């Protein structure tokens, strides 16, 4: 069965898996990624013991990040910027 990528949740979840496999970061590190941590070529990861490191963004990862960012913009377009958290990955009911 092929899962269609039409919903925000499906796109987000696929990108999460791509990031975890491509970079090898921990799930807790992924959950802590904020919008400001992302640049065109890398993501700043806040690891254990306040250690920070950069992980590079592959072409595949960048492709899905663009797709996700567009879906995220559409999903939360009716929210004011102060209502949406500054974390990169948001749930369905972001506050």
C-alpha atoms as a PDB file:
ATOM      1  CA  UNK A   1       0.000   0.000   0.000  1.00  0.00           C
ATOM      2  CA  UNK A   2       1.410   3.396  -0.999  1.00  0.00           C
ATOM      3  CA  UNK A   3       0.838   6.289   1.372  1.00  0.00           C
ATOM      4  CA  UNK A   4      -0.108   9.532  -0.343  1.00  0.00           C
ATOM      5  CA  UNK A   5       1.798  12.603   0.790  1.00  0.00           C
ATOM      6  CA  UNK A   6      -1.120  14.961   0.549  1.00  0.00           C
ATOM      7  CA  UNK A   7      -1.606  15.823   4.204  1.00  0.00           C
ATOM      8  CA  UNK A   8       0.552  17.950   6.460  1.00  0.00           C
ATOM      9  CA  UNK A   9       1.008  15.009   8.847  1.00  0.00           C
ATOM     10  CA  UNK A  10       2.172  12.615   6.127  1.00  0.00           C
ATOM     11  CA  UNK A  11       4.683  15.085   4.722  1.00  0.00           C
ATOM     12  CA  UNK A  12       5.950  15.976   8.221  1.00  0.00           C
ATOM     13  CA  UNK A  13       6.329  12.335   9.243  1.00  0.00           C
ATOM     14  CA  UNK A  14       8.207  11.396   6.074  1.00  0.00           C
ATOM     15  CA  UNK A  15      10.582  14.331   6.541  1.00  0.00           C
ATOM     16  CA  UNK A  16      11.168  13.312  10.169  1.00  0.00           C
ATOM     17  CA  UNK A  17      12.217   9.834   9.036  1.00  0.00           C
ATOM     18  CA  UNK A  18      14.446  11.238   6.288  1.00  0.00           C
ATOM     19  CA  UNK A  19      16.192  13.561   8.753  1.00  0.00           C
ATOM     20  CA  UNK A  20      16.693  10.802  11.319  1.00  0.00           C
ATOM     21  CA  UNK A  21      18.150   8.401   8.737  1.00  0.00           C
ATOM     22  CA  UNK A  22      20.233  10.980   6.838  1.00  0.00           C
ATOM     23  CA  UNK A  23      21.782  12.663   9.864  1.00  0.00           C
ATOM     24  CA  UNK A  24      21.766  10.084  12.658  1.00  0.00           C
ATOM     25  CA  UNK A  25      20.525  12.630  15.195  1.00  0.00           C
ATOM     26  CA  UNK A  26      18.570  11.570  18.274  1.00  0.00           C
ATOM     27  CA  UNK A  27      14.785  11.930  18.391  1.00  0.00           C
ATOM     28  CA  UNK A  28      15.127  14.354  21.321  1.00  0.00           C
ATOM     29  CA  UNK A  29      17.486  16.490  19.210  1.00  0.00           C
ATOM     30  CA  UNK A  30      15.014  16.439  16.328  1.00  0.00           C
ATOM     31  CA  UNK A  31      12.208  17.613  18.616  1.00  0.00           C
ATOM     32  CA  UNK A  32      14.325  20.578  19.733  1.00  0.00           C
ATOM     33  CA  UNK A  33      14.981  21.933  16.224  1.00  0.00           C
ATOM     34  CA  UNK A  34      13.715  25.492  15.871  1.00  0.00           C
ATOM     35  CA  UNK A  35      13.189  27.582  12.757  1.00  0.00           C
ATOM     36  CA  UNK A  36      16.317  29.635  13.542  1.00  0.00           C
ATOM     37  CA  UNK A  37      18.467  26.466  13.616  1.00  0.00           C
ATOM     38  CA  UNK A  38      17.909  25.804   9.911  1.00  0.00           C
ATOM     39  CA  UNK A  39      19.926  27.344   7.106  1.00  0.00           C
ATOM     40  CA  UNK A  40      20.224  26.436   3.424  1.00  0.00           C
ATOM     41  CA  UNK A  41      23.015  23.889   3.898  1.00  0.00           C
ATOM     42  CA  UNK A  42      22.884  22.716   7.497  1.00  0.00           C
ATOM     43  CA  UNK A  43      20.884  22.379  10.697  1.00  0.00           C
ATOM     44  CA  UNK A  44      22.269  23.383  14.093  1.00  0.00           C
ATOM     45  CA  UNK A  45      21.661  20.529  16.518  1.00  0.00           C
ATOM     46  CA  UNK A  46      21.565  21.115  20.272  1.00  0.00           C
ATOM     47  CA  UNK A  47      22.829  17.864  21.748  1.00  0.00           C
ATOM     48  CA  UNK A  48      23.529  16.424  25.159  1.00  0.00           C
ATOM     49  CA  UNK A  49      25.428  18.493  27.723  1.00  0.00           C
ATOM     50  CA  UNK A  50      24.738  21.693  25.749  1.00  0.00           C
ATOM     51  CA  UNK A  51      26.969  20.522  22.905  1.00  0.00           C
ATOM     52  CA  UNK A  52      26.087  21.925  19.502  1.00  0.00           C
ATOM     53  CA  UNK A  53      26.980  20.599  16.080  1.00  0.00           C
ATOM     54  CA  UNK A  54      26.011  21.065  12.464  1.00  0.00           C
ATOM     55  CA  UNK A  55      24.428  18.365  10.322  1.00  0.00           C
ATOM     56  CA  UNK A  56      24.358  18.883   6.602  1.00  0.00           C
ATOM     57  CA  UNK A  57      21.234  18.804   4.481  1.00  0.00           C
ATOM     58  CA  UNK A  58      21.250  16.347   1.569  1.00  0.00           C
ATOM     59  CA  UNK A  59      19.480  17.070  -1.712  1.00  0.00           C
ATOM     60  CA  UNK A  60      16.701  14.620  -0.824  1.00  0.00           C
ATOM     61  CA  UNK A  61      16.276  16.152   2.601  1.00  0.00           C
ATOM     62  CA  UNK A  62      16.147  19.686   1.139  1.00  0.00           C
ATOM     63  CA  UNK A  63      13.478  18.572  -1.368  1.00  0.00           C
ATOM     64  CA  UNK A  64      11.222  17.272   1.394  1.00  0.00           C
ATOM     65  CA  UNK A  65      11.967  20.249   3.635  1.00  0.00           C
ATOM     66  CA  UNK A  66      10.641  22.568   0.906  1.00  0.00           C
ATOM     67  CA  UNK A  67       7.558  20.397   0.514  1.00  0.00           C
ATOM     68  CA  UNK A  68       7.047  20.364   4.291  1.00  0.00           C
ATOM     69  CA  UNK A  69       7.523  24.112   4.670  1.00  0.00           C
ATOM     70  CA  UNK A  70       4.865  24.772   2.029  1.00  0.00           C
ATOM     71  CA  UNK A  71       2.439  22.326   3.697  1.00  0.00           C
ATOM     72  CA  UNK A  72       3.177  23.906   7.078  1.00  0.00           C
ATOM     73  CA  UNK A  73       2.491  27.376   5.707  1.00  0.00           C
ATOM     74  CA  UNK A  74      -0.858  26.191   4.319  1.00  0.00           C
ATOM     75  CA  UNK A  75      -1.780  24.233   7.461  1.00  0.00           C
ATOM     76  CA  UNK A  76      -1.185  27.173   9.827  1.00  0.00           C
ATOM     77  CA  UNK A  77      -2.056  30.093   7.529  1.00  0.00           C
ATOM     78  CA  UNK A  78      -4.990  31.148   9.707  1.00  0.00           C
ATOM     79  CA  UNK A  79      -2.833  31.399  12.826  1.00  0.00           C
ATOM     80  CA  UNK A  80      -1.058  34.550  13.911  1.00  0.00           C
ATOM     81  CA  UNK A  81       2.739  34.237  14.135  1.00  0.00           C
ATOM     82  CA  UNK A  82       2.654  34.535  17.950  1.00  0.00           C
ATOM     83  CA  UNK A  83       0.173  31.624  18.093  1.00  0.00           C
ATOM     84  CA  UNK A  84       2.524  29.213  16.354  1.00  0.00           C
ATOM     85  CA  UNK A  85       5.544  27.953  18.257  1.00  0.00           C
ATOM     86  CA  UNK A  86       8.979  28.544  16.804  1.00  0.00           C
ATOM     87  CA  UNK A  87       9.800  24.821  16.651  1.00  0.00           C
ATOM     88  CA  UNK A  88      10.343  23.464  13.151  1.00  0.00           C
ATOM     89  CA  UNK A  89       8.051  20.461  13.572  1.00  0.00           C
ATOM     90  CA  UNK A  90       4.563  21.302  14.788  1.00  0.00           C
ATOM     91  CA  UNK A  91       1.678  19.039  15.719  1.00  0.00           C
ATOM     92  CA  UNK A  92      -1.820  19.394  14.321  1.00  0.00           C
ATOM     93  CA  UNK A  93      -2.950  21.771  17.041  1.00  0.00           C
ATOM     94  CA  UNK A  94       0.009  24.120  17.385  1.00  0.00           C
ATOM     95  CA  UNK A  95      -0.651  26.783  19.932  1.00  0.00           C
END
